[in-house]
Amino acid sequence: MSKRFSSLKKSLSSNGLEIVGAFRPNIDTQELQEVETMLMIGPKEPIFWEIFKKSKEYIDGKSNPLDRWSKRILKAIAKKQKSKAYFPFDKDKNWPFYSWALKCEEINSSPVKLLVHNEKGLFISFRGALGLSYKIDSATNAKSVCMDCSRPCEKSCPVDALNSEGYDVKRCIDYISTSSGKDCLSGCLVRRSCPYGSSLQPLDQSVFHMNSFLKD
């Protein structure tokens, strides 16, 4: 592993982030022609949440604290590492993070169409991506964890808003906005049903994400 790549991983880790997947973009994608390796960046659980809660973005009371924090941290790392940062919430460009994720050996599509990671399960998420101008080798287990799973995710949504056909956002919001859906506010029941990674995310972090989801 090169010193340059080791430095990058150390910078991510010190900010509660880590590489959750990597792939080599198609060379025919003009906007990514200079990118030899794309790194998908996600929270490093469980230390991420404690680091983020101490940030100025979390404390200042303004909207979209996590997105603002992610941009500040990853842009700084990208500048230091002479790479480029990309974000799933970028208003100027709709980067295909779902498609990108499926190019990574560690990530697959679950029975309910949500992305599933071989370690983080259905709690996989991305704070951004970093495009490197050099190649890295990634030795990972490409076999999806869903292959030998009993698939509890297919039966965990009380109103069947998440199933093999996809995600009915309106049905989900309508339910969790009622007293009957109170348990979902502690974290999506479908995500929590996954036997992989569900214990990594702190409860108040799940509550934060669900409240942010309702606000959006």
Foldseek 3Di string as FASTA:
>chain_A
DDPLVVVLQVLQVVQQKHFQFKAADDCPPVVQVLFGMKTFMDGNFPVNVVSLCPDPLNVVPDPPSLLVVLCVSVVVSCVVSVWDKFACPDPVDNDPVVVVQCRTLQWDQAQLRQIQGVAQGSPDDGSIMIGDSDDDDDDDHNDDPRPPDPQCLQVFDPQRQGGNVYGNLVVVLVCCVDPNNVVCLQDHRSRCVDPHNNVRYDSVVRNVVSVSSNVD
